[in-house]
Full PDB file with SEQRES, HELIX, SHEET, SSBOND, CRYST1, ORIGX, SCALE, CONECT and MASTER records, all heavy atoms in Angstrom:
SEQRES   1 A   33  ILE VAL PHE GLY THR THR GLU LEU ASP LEU SER ASN TYR          
SEQRES   2 A   33  ASN THR GLY ILE TYR LEU LEU LYS VAL THR ASN GLU ASN          
SEQRES   3 A   33  ASN GLN THR GLN THR VAL LYS                                  
SHEET    1 AA1 2 LEU A  20  THR A  23  0                                        
SHEET    2 AA1 2 THR A  29  VAL A  32 -1                                        
CRYST1    1.000    1.000    1.000  90.00  90.00  90.00 P 1           1          
ORIGX1      1.000000  0.000000  0.000000        0.00000                         
ORIGX2      0.000000  1.000000  0.000000        0.00000                         
ORIGX3      0.000000  0.000000  1.000000        0.00000                         
SCALE1      1.000000  0.000000  0.000000        0.00000                         
SCALE2      0.000000  1.000000  0.000000        0.00000                         
SCALE3      0.000000  0.000000  1.000000        0.00000                         
ATOM      1  N   ILE A   1     117.206 111.191  97.292  1.00  0.00           N  
ATOM      2  CA  ILE A   1     118.143 112.107  97.915  1.00  0.00           C  
ATOM      3  C   ILE A   1     119.256 112.420  96.925  1.00  0.00           C  
ATOM      4  O   ILE A   1     119.533 111.640  96.008  1.00  0.00           O  
ATOM      5  CB  ILE A   1     118.708 111.550  99.234  1.00  0.00           C  
ATOM      6  CG1 ILE A   1     119.456 110.238  99.013  1.00  0.00           C  
ATOM      7  CG2 ILE A   1     117.602 111.330 100.255  1.00  0.00           C  
ATOM      8  CD1 ILE A   1     120.129 109.714 100.276  1.00  0.00           C  
ATOM      9  N   VAL A   2     119.876 113.568  97.113  1.00  0.00           N  
ATOM     10  CA  VAL A   2     120.944 113.998  96.225  1.00  0.00           C  
ATOM     11  C   VAL A   2     122.286 113.852  96.930  1.00  0.00           C  
ATOM     12  O   VAL A   2     122.357 113.592  98.130  1.00  0.00           O  
ATOM     13  CB  VAL A   2     120.730 115.458  95.776  1.00  0.00           C  
ATOM     14  CG1 VAL A   2     119.450 115.585  94.972  1.00  0.00           C  
ATOM     15  CG2 VAL A   2     120.702 116.396  96.972  1.00  0.00           C  
ATOM     16  N   PHE A   3     123.317 113.982  96.157  1.00  0.00           N  
ATOM     17  CA  PHE A   3     124.689 113.893  96.661  1.00  0.00           C  
ATOM     18  C   PHE A   3     124.838 114.715  97.940  1.00  0.00           C  
ATOM     19  O   PHE A   3     124.433 115.870  98.014  1.00  0.00           O  
ATOM     20  CB  PHE A   3     125.650 114.401  95.584  1.00  0.00           C  
ATOM     21  CG  PHE A   3     127.101 114.311  95.954  1.00  0.00           C  
ATOM     22  CD1 PHE A   3     127.887 113.276  95.490  1.00  0.00           C  
ATOM     23  CD2 PHE A   3     127.695 115.262  96.775  1.00  0.00           C  
ATOM     24  CE1 PHE A   3     129.227 113.194  95.829  1.00  0.00           C  
ATOM     25  CE2 PHE A   3     129.031 115.180  97.121  1.00  0.00           C  
ATOM     26  CZ  PHE A   3     129.795 114.146  96.644  1.00  0.00           C  
ATOM     27  N   GLY A   4     125.411 114.102  98.967  1.00  0.00           N  
ATOM     28  CA  GLY A   4     125.639 114.802 100.221  1.00  0.00           C  
ATOM     29  C   GLY A   4     125.044 114.053 101.396  1.00  0.00           C  
ATOM     30  O   GLY A   4     124.881 112.831 101.359  1.00  0.00           O  
ATOM     31  N   THR A   5     124.674 114.794 102.445  1.00  0.00           N  
ATOM     32  CA  THR A   5     124.180 114.200 103.680  1.00  0.00           C  
ATOM     33  C   THR A   5     122.740 114.617 103.921  1.00  0.00           C  
ATOM     34  O   THR A   5     122.394 115.800 103.835  1.00  0.00           O  
ATOM     35  CB  THR A   5     125.048 114.611 104.875  1.00  0.00           C  
ATOM     36  OG1 THR A   5     126.398 114.193 104.644  1.00  0.00           O  
ATOM     37  CG2 THR A   5     124.545 113.982 106.160  1.00  0.00           C  
ATOM     38  N   THR A   6     121.911 113.630 104.239  1.00  0.00           N  
ATOM     39  CA  THR A   6     120.496 113.846 104.511  1.00  0.00           C  
ATOM     40  C   THR A   6     120.152 113.272 105.876  1.00  0.00           C  
ATOM     41  O   THR A   6     120.614 112.180 106.232  1.00  0.00           O  
ATOM     42  CB  THR A   6     119.621 113.174 103.442  1.00  0.00           C  
ATOM     43  OG1 THR A   6     119.927 113.742 102.164  1.00  0.00           O  
ATOM     44  CG2 THR A   6     118.147 113.369 103.743  1.00  0.00           C  
ATOM     45  N   GLU A   7     119.346 114.049 106.646  1.00  0.00           N  
ATOM     46  CA  GLU A   7     118.885 113.546 107.930  1.00  0.00           C  
ATOM     47  C   GLU A   7     117.695 112.615 107.743  1.00  0.00           C  
ATOM     48  O   GLU A   7     116.768 112.924 106.981  1.00  0.00           O  
ATOM     49  CB  GLU A   7     118.495 114.698 108.858  1.00  0.00           C  
ATOM     50  CG  GLU A   7     119.657 115.438 109.452  1.00  0.00           C  
ATOM     51  CD  GLU A   7     119.219 116.421 110.530  1.00  0.00           C  
ATOM     52  OE1 GLU A   7     117.984 116.604 110.711  1.00  0.00           O  
ATOM     53  OE2 GLU A   7     120.096 116.992 111.211  1.00  0.00           O  
ATOM     54  N   LEU A   8     117.735 111.488 108.446  1.00  0.00           N  
ATOM     55  CA  LEU A   8     116.625 110.548 108.455  1.00  0.00           C  
ATOM     56  C   LEU A   8     116.065 110.514 109.871  1.00  0.00           C  
ATOM     57  O   LEU A   8     116.730 110.074 110.805  1.00  0.00           O  
ATOM     58  CB  LEU A   8     117.092 109.160 108.012  1.00  0.00           C  
ATOM     59  CG  LEU A   8     116.019 108.104 107.742  1.00  0.00           C  
ATOM     60  CD1 LEU A   8     115.131 108.528 106.574  1.00  0.00           C  
ATOM     61  CD2 LEU A   8     116.668 106.767 107.424  1.00  0.00           C  
ATOM     62  N   ASP A   9     114.845 111.020 110.027  1.00  0.00           N  
ATOM     63  CA  ASP A   9     114.229 111.166 111.335  1.00  0.00           C  
ATOM     64  C   ASP A   9     113.322 109.971 111.627  1.00  0.00           C  
ATOM     65  O   ASP A   9     112.310 109.769 110.960  1.00  0.00           O  
ATOM     66  CB  ASP A   9     113.427 112.461 111.383  1.00  0.00           C  
ATOM     67  CG  ASP A   9     112.887 112.784 112.778  1.00  0.00           C  
ATOM     68  OD1 ASP A   9     113.041 111.954 113.698  1.00  0.00           O  
ATOM     69  OD2 ASP A   9     112.285 113.870 112.944  1.00  0.00           O  
ATOM     70  N   LEU A  10     113.695 109.181 112.646  1.00  0.00           N  
ATOM     71  CA  LEU A  10     112.897 108.019 113.038  1.00  0.00           C  
ATOM     72  C   LEU A  10     112.187 108.232 114.372  1.00  0.00           C  
ATOM     73  O   LEU A  10     111.819 107.278 115.047  1.00  0.00           O  
ATOM     74  CB  LEU A  10     113.776 106.767 113.122  1.00  0.00           C  
ATOM     75  CG  LEU A  10     114.515 106.333 111.858  1.00  0.00           C  
ATOM     76  CD1 LEU A  10     115.122 104.940 112.043  1.00  0.00           C  
ATOM     77  CD2 LEU A  10     113.626 106.364 110.656  1.00  0.00           C  
ATOM     78  N   SER A  11     111.979 109.494 114.749  1.00  0.00           N  
ATOM     79  CA  SER A  11     111.369 109.783 116.037  1.00  0.00           C  
ATOM     80  C   SER A  11     109.940 109.266 116.148  1.00  0.00           C  
ATOM     81  O   SER A  11     109.444 109.054 117.259  1.00  0.00           O  
ATOM     82  CB  SER A  11     111.402 111.294 116.315  1.00  0.00           C  
ATOM     83  OG  SER A  11     110.716 112.019 115.295  1.00  0.00           O  
ATOM     84  N   ASN A  12     109.275 109.053 115.021  1.00  0.00           N  
ATOM     85  CA  ASN A  12     107.906 108.560 115.038  1.00  0.00           C  
ATOM     86  C   ASN A  12     107.807 107.031 115.044  1.00  0.00           C  
ATOM     87  O   ASN A  12     106.703 106.489 114.990  1.00  0.00           O  
ATOM     88  CB  ASN A  12     107.120 109.108 113.847  1.00  0.00           C  
ATOM     89  CG  ASN A  12     106.892 110.605 113.935  1.00  0.00           C  
ATOM     90  OD1 ASN A  12     106.741 111.163 115.031  1.00  0.00           O  
ATOM     91  ND2 ASN A  12     106.868 111.271 112.794  1.00  0.00           N  
ATOM     92  N   TYR A  13     108.967 106.370 115.102  1.00  0.00           N  
ATOM     93  CA  TYR A  13     108.980 104.913 115.043  1.00  0.00           C  
ATOM     94  C   TYR A  13     109.514 104.322 116.343  1.00  0.00           C  
ATOM     95  O   TYR A  13     110.254 104.973 117.083  1.00  0.00           O  
ATOM     96  CB  TYR A  13     109.809 104.428 113.850  1.00  0.00           C  
ATOM     97  CG  TYR A  13     109.289 104.945 112.531  1.00  0.00           C  
ATOM     98  CD1 TYR A  13     109.969 105.946 111.839  1.00  0.00           C  
ATOM     99  CD2 TYR A  13     108.113 104.460 111.992  1.00  0.00           C  
ATOM    100  CE1 TYR A  13     109.490 106.434 110.641  1.00  0.00           C  
ATOM    101  CE2 TYR A  13     107.620 104.943 110.791  1.00  0.00           C  
ATOM    102  CZ  TYR A  13     108.315 105.937 110.121  1.00  0.00           C  
ATOM    103  OH  TYR A  13     107.833 106.432 108.928  1.00  0.00           O  
ATOM    104  N   ASN A  14     109.132 103.089 116.607  1.00  0.00           N  
ATOM    105  CA  ASN A  14     109.540 102.408 117.823  1.00  0.00           C  
ATOM    106  C   ASN A  14     111.024 102.054 117.792  1.00  0.00           C  
ATOM    107  O   ASN A  14     111.653 101.996 116.729  1.00  0.00           O  
ATOM    108  CB  ASN A  14     108.717 101.139 118.026  1.00  0.00           C  
ATOM    109  CG  ASN A  14     107.241 101.418 118.238  1.00  0.00           C  
ATOM    110  OD1 ASN A  14     106.867 102.437 118.812  1.00  0.00           O  
ATOM    111  ND2 ASN A  14     106.387 100.506 117.777  1.00  0.00           N  
ATOM    112  N   THR A  15     111.587 101.813 118.973  1.00  0.00           N  
ATOM    113  CA  THR A  15     112.948 101.316 119.035  1.00  0.00           C  
ATOM    114  C   THR A  15     113.034  99.936 118.388  1.00  0.00           C  
ATOM    115  O   THR A  15     112.061  99.176 118.374  1.00  0.00           O  
ATOM    116  CB  THR A  15     113.438 101.232 120.483  1.00  0.00           C  
ATOM    117  OG1 THR A  15     112.575 100.358 121.230  1.00  0.00           O  
ATOM    118  CG2 THR A  15     113.436 102.600 121.130  1.00  0.00           C  
ATOM    119  N   GLY A  16     114.197  99.613 117.844  1.00  0.00           N  
ATOM    120  CA  GLY A  16     114.367  98.315 117.200  1.00  0.00           C  
ATOM    121  C   GLY A  16     115.268  98.403 115.990  1.00  0.00           C  
ATOM    122  O   GLY A  16     116.005  99.368 115.787  1.00  0.00           O  
ATOM    123  N   ILE A  17     115.211  97.377 115.155  1.00  0.00           N  
ATOM    124  CA  ILE A  17     116.054  97.254 113.978  1.00  0.00           C  
ATOM    125  C   ILE A  17     115.261  97.641 112.728  1.00  0.00           C  
ATOM    126  O   ILE A  17     114.127  97.211 112.531  1.00  0.00           O  
ATOM    127  CB  ILE A  17     116.600  95.823 113.836  1.00  0.00           C  
ATOM    128  CG1 ILE A  17     117.517  95.498 115.022  1.00  0.00           C  
ATOM    129  CG2 ILE A  17     117.350  95.641 112.515  1.00  0.00           C  
ATOM    130  CD1 ILE A  17     117.956  94.046 115.067  1.00  0.00           C  
ATOM    131  N   TYR A  18     115.902  98.430 111.868  1.00  0.00           N  
ATOM    132  CA  TYR A  18     115.341  98.827 110.588  1.00  0.00           C  
ATOM    133  C   TYR A  18     116.386  98.574 109.503  1.00  0.00           C  
ATOM    134  O   TYR A  18     117.589  98.531 109.774  1.00  0.00           O  
ATOM    135  CB  TYR A  18     114.926 100.297 110.597  1.00  0.00           C  
ATOM    136  CG  TYR A  18     113.818 100.591 111.588  1.00  0.00           C  
ATOM    137  CD1 TYR A  18     114.109 100.824 112.927  1.00  0.00           C  
ATOM    138  CD2 TYR A  18     112.501 100.609 111.187  1.00  0.00           C  
ATOM    139  CE1 TYR A  18     113.095 101.056 113.848  1.00  0.00           C  
ATOM    140  CE2 TYR A  18     111.469 100.855 112.100  1.00  0.00           C  
ATOM    141  CZ  TYR A  18     111.778 101.078 113.424  1.00  0.00           C  
ATOM    142  OH  TYR A  18     110.769 101.305 114.325  1.00  0.00           O  
ATOM    143  N   LEU A  19     115.917  98.403 108.294  1.00  0.00           N  
ATOM    144  CA  LEU A  19     116.816  98.180 107.166  1.00  0.00           C  
ATOM    145  C   LEU A  19     116.642  99.295 106.145  1.00  0.00           C  
ATOM    146  O   LEU A  19     115.536  99.599 105.719  1.00  0.00           O  
ATOM    147  CB  LEU A  19     116.534  96.827 106.506  1.00  0.00           C  
ATOM    148  CG  LEU A  19     116.768  95.598 107.368  1.00  0.00           C  
ATOM    149  CD1 LEU A  19     116.452  94.337 106.581  1.00  0.00           C  
ATOM    150  CD2 LEU A  19     118.190  95.545 107.883  1.00  0.00           C  
ATOM    151  N   LEU A  20     117.773  99.898 105.788  1.00  0.00           N  
ATOM    152  CA  LEU A  20     117.798 100.976 104.820  1.00  0.00           C  
ATOM    153  C   LEU A  20     118.365 100.453 103.508  1.00  0.00           C  
ATOM    154  O   LEU A  20     119.523 100.046 103.442  1.00  0.00           O  
ATOM    155  CB  LEU A  20     118.643 102.135 105.335  1.00  0.00           C  
ATOM    156  CG  LEU A  20     118.705 103.372 104.414  1.00  0.00           C  
ATOM    157  CD1 LEU A  20     117.362 104.087 104.387  1.00  0.00           C  
ATOM    158  CD2 LEU A  20     119.817 104.308 104.864  1.00  0.00           C  
ATOM    159  N   LYS A  21     117.554 100.474 102.473  1.00  0.00           N  
ATOM    160  CA  LYS A  21     117.989 100.057 101.149  1.00  0.00           C  
ATOM    161  C   LYS A  21     118.300 101.298 100.322  1.00  0.00           C  
ATOM    162  O   LYS A  21     117.461 102.187 100.177  1.00  0.00           O  
ATOM    163  CB  LYS A  21     116.904  99.229 100.461  1.00  0.00           C  
ATOM    164  CG  LYS A  21     117.249  98.805  99.041  1.00  0.00           C  
ATOM    165  CD  LYS A  21     116.060  98.124  98.385  1.00  0.00           C  
ATOM    166  CE  LYS A  21     116.346  97.834  96.924  1.00  0.00           C  
ATOM    167  NZ  LYS A  21     115.145  97.288  96.237  1.00  0.00           N  
ATOM    168  N   VAL A  22     119.507 101.356  99.779  1.00  0.00           N  
ATOM    169  CA  VAL A  22     119.966 102.480  98.975  1.00  0.00           C  
ATOM    170  C   VAL A  22     120.173 101.998  97.546  1.00  0.00           C  
ATOM    171  O   VAL A  22     120.924 101.055  97.301  1.00  0.00           O  
ATOM    172  CB  VAL A  22     121.274 103.077  99.535  1.00  0.00           C  
ATOM    173  CG1 VAL A  22     121.725 104.253  98.686  1.00  0.00           C  
ATOM    174  CG2 VAL A  22     121.095 103.493 100.990  1.00  0.00           C  
ATOM    175  N   THR A  23     119.518 102.650  96.587  1.00  0.00           N  
ATOM    176  CA  THR A  23     119.631 102.287  95.176  1.00  0.00           C  
ATOM    177  C   THR A  23     120.148 103.480  94.392  1.00  0.00           C  
ATOM    178  O   THR A  23     119.518 104.545  94.373  1.00  0.00           O  
ATOM    179  CB  THR A  23     118.267 101.855  94.601  1.00  0.00           C  
ATOM    180  OG1 THR A  23     117.715 100.805  95.402  1.00  0.00           O  
ATOM    181  CG2 THR A  23     118.415 101.378  93.165  1.00  0.00           C  
ATOM    182  N   ASN A  24     121.314 103.329  93.751  1.00  0.00           N  
ATOM    183  CA  ASN A  24     121.873 104.451  93.002  1.00  0.00           C  
ATOM    184  C   ASN A  24     121.288 104.507  91.591  1.00  0.00           C  
ATOM    185  O   ASN A  24     120.424 103.703  91.210  1.00  0.00           O  
ATOM    186  CB  ASN A  24     123.404 104.392  92.986  1.00  0.00           C  
ATOM    187  CG  ASN A  24     123.965 103.225  92.184  1.00  0.00           C  
ATOM    188  OD1 ASN A  24     123.270 102.559  91.416  1.00  0.00           O  
ATOM    189  ND2 ASN A  24     125.260 102.966  92.366  1.00  0.00           N  
ATOM    190  N   GLU A  25     121.773 105.445  90.793  1.00  0.00           N  
ATOM    191  CA  GLU A  25     121.221 105.662  89.462  1.00  0.00           C  
ATOM    192  C   GLU A  25     121.534 104.536  88.493  1.00  0.00           C  
ATOM    193  O   GLU A  25     120.916 104.428  87.430  1.00  0.00           O  
ATOM    194  CB  GLU A  25     121.721 107.003  88.910  1.00  0.00           C  
ATOM    195  CG  GLU A  25     121.192 108.211  89.702  1.00  0.00           C  
ATOM    196  CD  GLU A  25     121.748 109.533  89.226  1.00  0.00           C  
ATOM    197  OE1 GLU A  25     122.986 109.578  88.962  1.00  0.00           O  
ATOM    198  OE2 GLU A  25     120.996 110.511  89.100  1.00  0.00           O  
ATOM    199  N   ASN A  26     122.518 103.710  88.842  1.00  0.00           N  
ATOM    200  CA  ASN A  26     122.839 102.532  88.027  1.00  0.00           C  
ATOM    201  C   ASN A  26     122.100 101.286  88.501  1.00  0.00           C  
ATOM    202  O   ASN A  26     122.419 100.164  88.097  1.00  0.00           O  
ATOM    203  CB  ASN A  26     124.348 102.283  88.038  1.00  0.00           C  
ATOM    204  CG  ASN A  26     125.133 103.392  87.379  1.00  0.00           C  
ATOM    205  OD1 ASN A  26     124.715 103.940  86.356  1.00  0.00           O  
ATOM    206  ND2 ASN A  26     126.280 103.750  87.965  1.00  0.00           N  
ATOM    207  N   ASN A  27     121.131 101.489  89.394  1.00  0.00           N  
ATOM    208  CA  ASN A  27     120.310 100.412  89.941  1.00  0.00           C  
ATOM    209  C   ASN A  27     121.107  99.420  90.777  1.00  0.00           C  
ATOM    210  O   ASN A  27     120.736  98.262  90.919  1.00  0.00           O  
ATOM    211  CB  ASN A  27     119.551  99.668  88.826  1.00  0.00           C  
ATOM    212  CG  ASN A  27     118.271  99.023  89.333  1.00  0.00           C  
ATOM    213  OD1 ASN A  27     117.590  99.562  90.204  1.00  0.00           O  
ATOM    214  ND2 ASN A  27     117.943  97.867  88.774  1.00  0.00           N  
ATOM    215  N   GLN A  28     122.237  99.869  91.332  1.00  0.00           N  
ATOM    216  CA  GLN A  28     122.997  99.070  92.274  1.00  0.00           C  
ATOM    217  C   GLN A  28     122.479  99.348  93.681  1.00  0.00           C  
ATOM    218  O   GLN A  28     122.127 100.475  94.007  1.00  0.00           O  
ATOM    219  CB  GLN A  28     124.489  99.401  92.196  1.00  0.00           C  
ATOM    220  CG  GLN A  28     125.111  99.109  90.834  1.00  0.00           C  
ATOM    221  CD  GLN A  28     126.498  99.683  90.708  1.00  0.00           C  
ATOM    222  OE1 GLN A  28     126.747 100.821  91.123  1.00  0.00           O  
ATOM    223  NE2 GLN A  28     127.407  98.916  90.134  1.00  0.00           N  
ATOM    224  N   THR A  29     122.425  98.318  94.514  1.00  0.00           N  
ATOM    225  CA  THR A  29     121.816  98.474  95.826  1.00  0.00           C  
ATOM    226  C   THR A  29     122.783  98.132  96.951  1.00  0.00           C  
ATOM    227  O   THR A  29     123.694  97.316  96.785  1.00  0.00           O  
ATOM    228  CB  THR A  29     120.558  97.597  95.960  1.00  0.00           C  
ATOM    229  OG1 THR A  29     120.929  96.221  95.895  1.00  0.00           O  
ATOM    230  CG2 THR A  29     119.542  97.914  94.892  1.00  0.00           C  
ATOM    231  N   GLN A  30     122.582  98.781  98.060  1.00  0.00           N  
ATOM    232  CA  GLN A  30     123.257  98.474  99.303  1.00  0.00           C  
ATOM    233  C   GLN A  30     122.209  98.432 100.404  1.00  0.00           C  
ATOM    234  O   GLN A  30     121.221  99.156 100.354  1.00  0.00           O  
ATOM    235  CB  GLN A  30     124.315  99.520  99.651  1.00  0.00           C  
ATOM    236  CG  GLN A  30     125.397  99.702  98.608  1.00  0.00           C  
ATOM    237  CD  GLN A  30     126.409 100.764  99.004  1.00  0.00           C  
ATOM    238  OE1 GLN A  30     126.557 101.074 100.177  1.00  0.00           O  
ATOM    239  NE2 GLN A  30     127.129 101.306  98.042  1.00  0.00           N  
ATOM    240  N   THR A  31     122.440  97.616 101.401  1.00  0.00           N  
ATOM    241  CA  THR A  31     121.520  97.501 102.519  1.00  0.00           C  
ATOM    242  C   THR A  31     122.269  97.748 103.818  1.00  0.00           C  
ATOM    243  O   THR A  31     123.312  97.138 104.059  1.00  0.00           O  
ATOM    244  CB  THR A  31     120.860  96.117 102.554  1.00  0.00           C  
ATOM    245  OG1 THR A  31     120.209  95.876 101.316  1.00  0.00           O  
ATOM    246  CG2 THR A  31     119.845  96.032 103.683  1.00  0.00           C  
ATOM    247  N   VAL A  32     121.750  98.650 104.641  1.00  0.00           N  
ATOM    248  CA  VAL A  32     122.383  99.023 105.893  1.00  0.00           C  
ATOM    249  C   VAL A  32     121.393  98.780 107.032  1.00  0.00           C  
ATOM    250  O   VAL A  32     120.229  99.156 106.925  1.00  0.00           O  
ATOM    251  CB  VAL A  32     122.821 100.495 105.896  1.00  0.00           C  
ATOM    252  CG1 VAL A  32     123.576 100.825 107.183  1.00  0.00           C  
ATOM    253  CG2 VAL A  32     123.675 100.812 104.679  1.00  0.00           C  
ATOM    254  N   LYS A  33     121.866  98.162 108.100  1.00  0.00           N  
ATOM    255  CA  LYS A  33     121.035  97.966 109.271  1.00  0.00           C  
ATOM    256  C   LYS A  33     121.100  99.191 110.163  1.00  0.00           C  
ATOM    257  O   LYS A  33     122.189  99.654 110.511  1.00  0.00           O  
ATOM    258  CB  LYS A  33     121.466  96.731 110.055  1.00  0.00           C  
ATOM    259  CG  LYS A  33     120.573  96.459 111.274  1.00  0.00           C  
ATOM    260  CD  LYS A  33     120.918  95.153 111.949  1.00  0.00           C  
ATOM    261  CE  LYS A  33     122.147  95.268 112.799  1.00  0.00           C  
ATOM    262  NZ  LYS A  33     122.374  94.057 113.647  1.00  0.00           N  
TER     263      LYS A  33                                                      
MASTER        0    0    0    0    2    0    0    6  262    1    0    3          
END                                                                             
């Protein structure tokens, strides 16, 4: 994804908890529940 806001559509997935891992160009990571 590029700078800005992107929609993430989970309509095809069941209810529950998911983990989103974000890795920037410097290979730094963040994890969001």
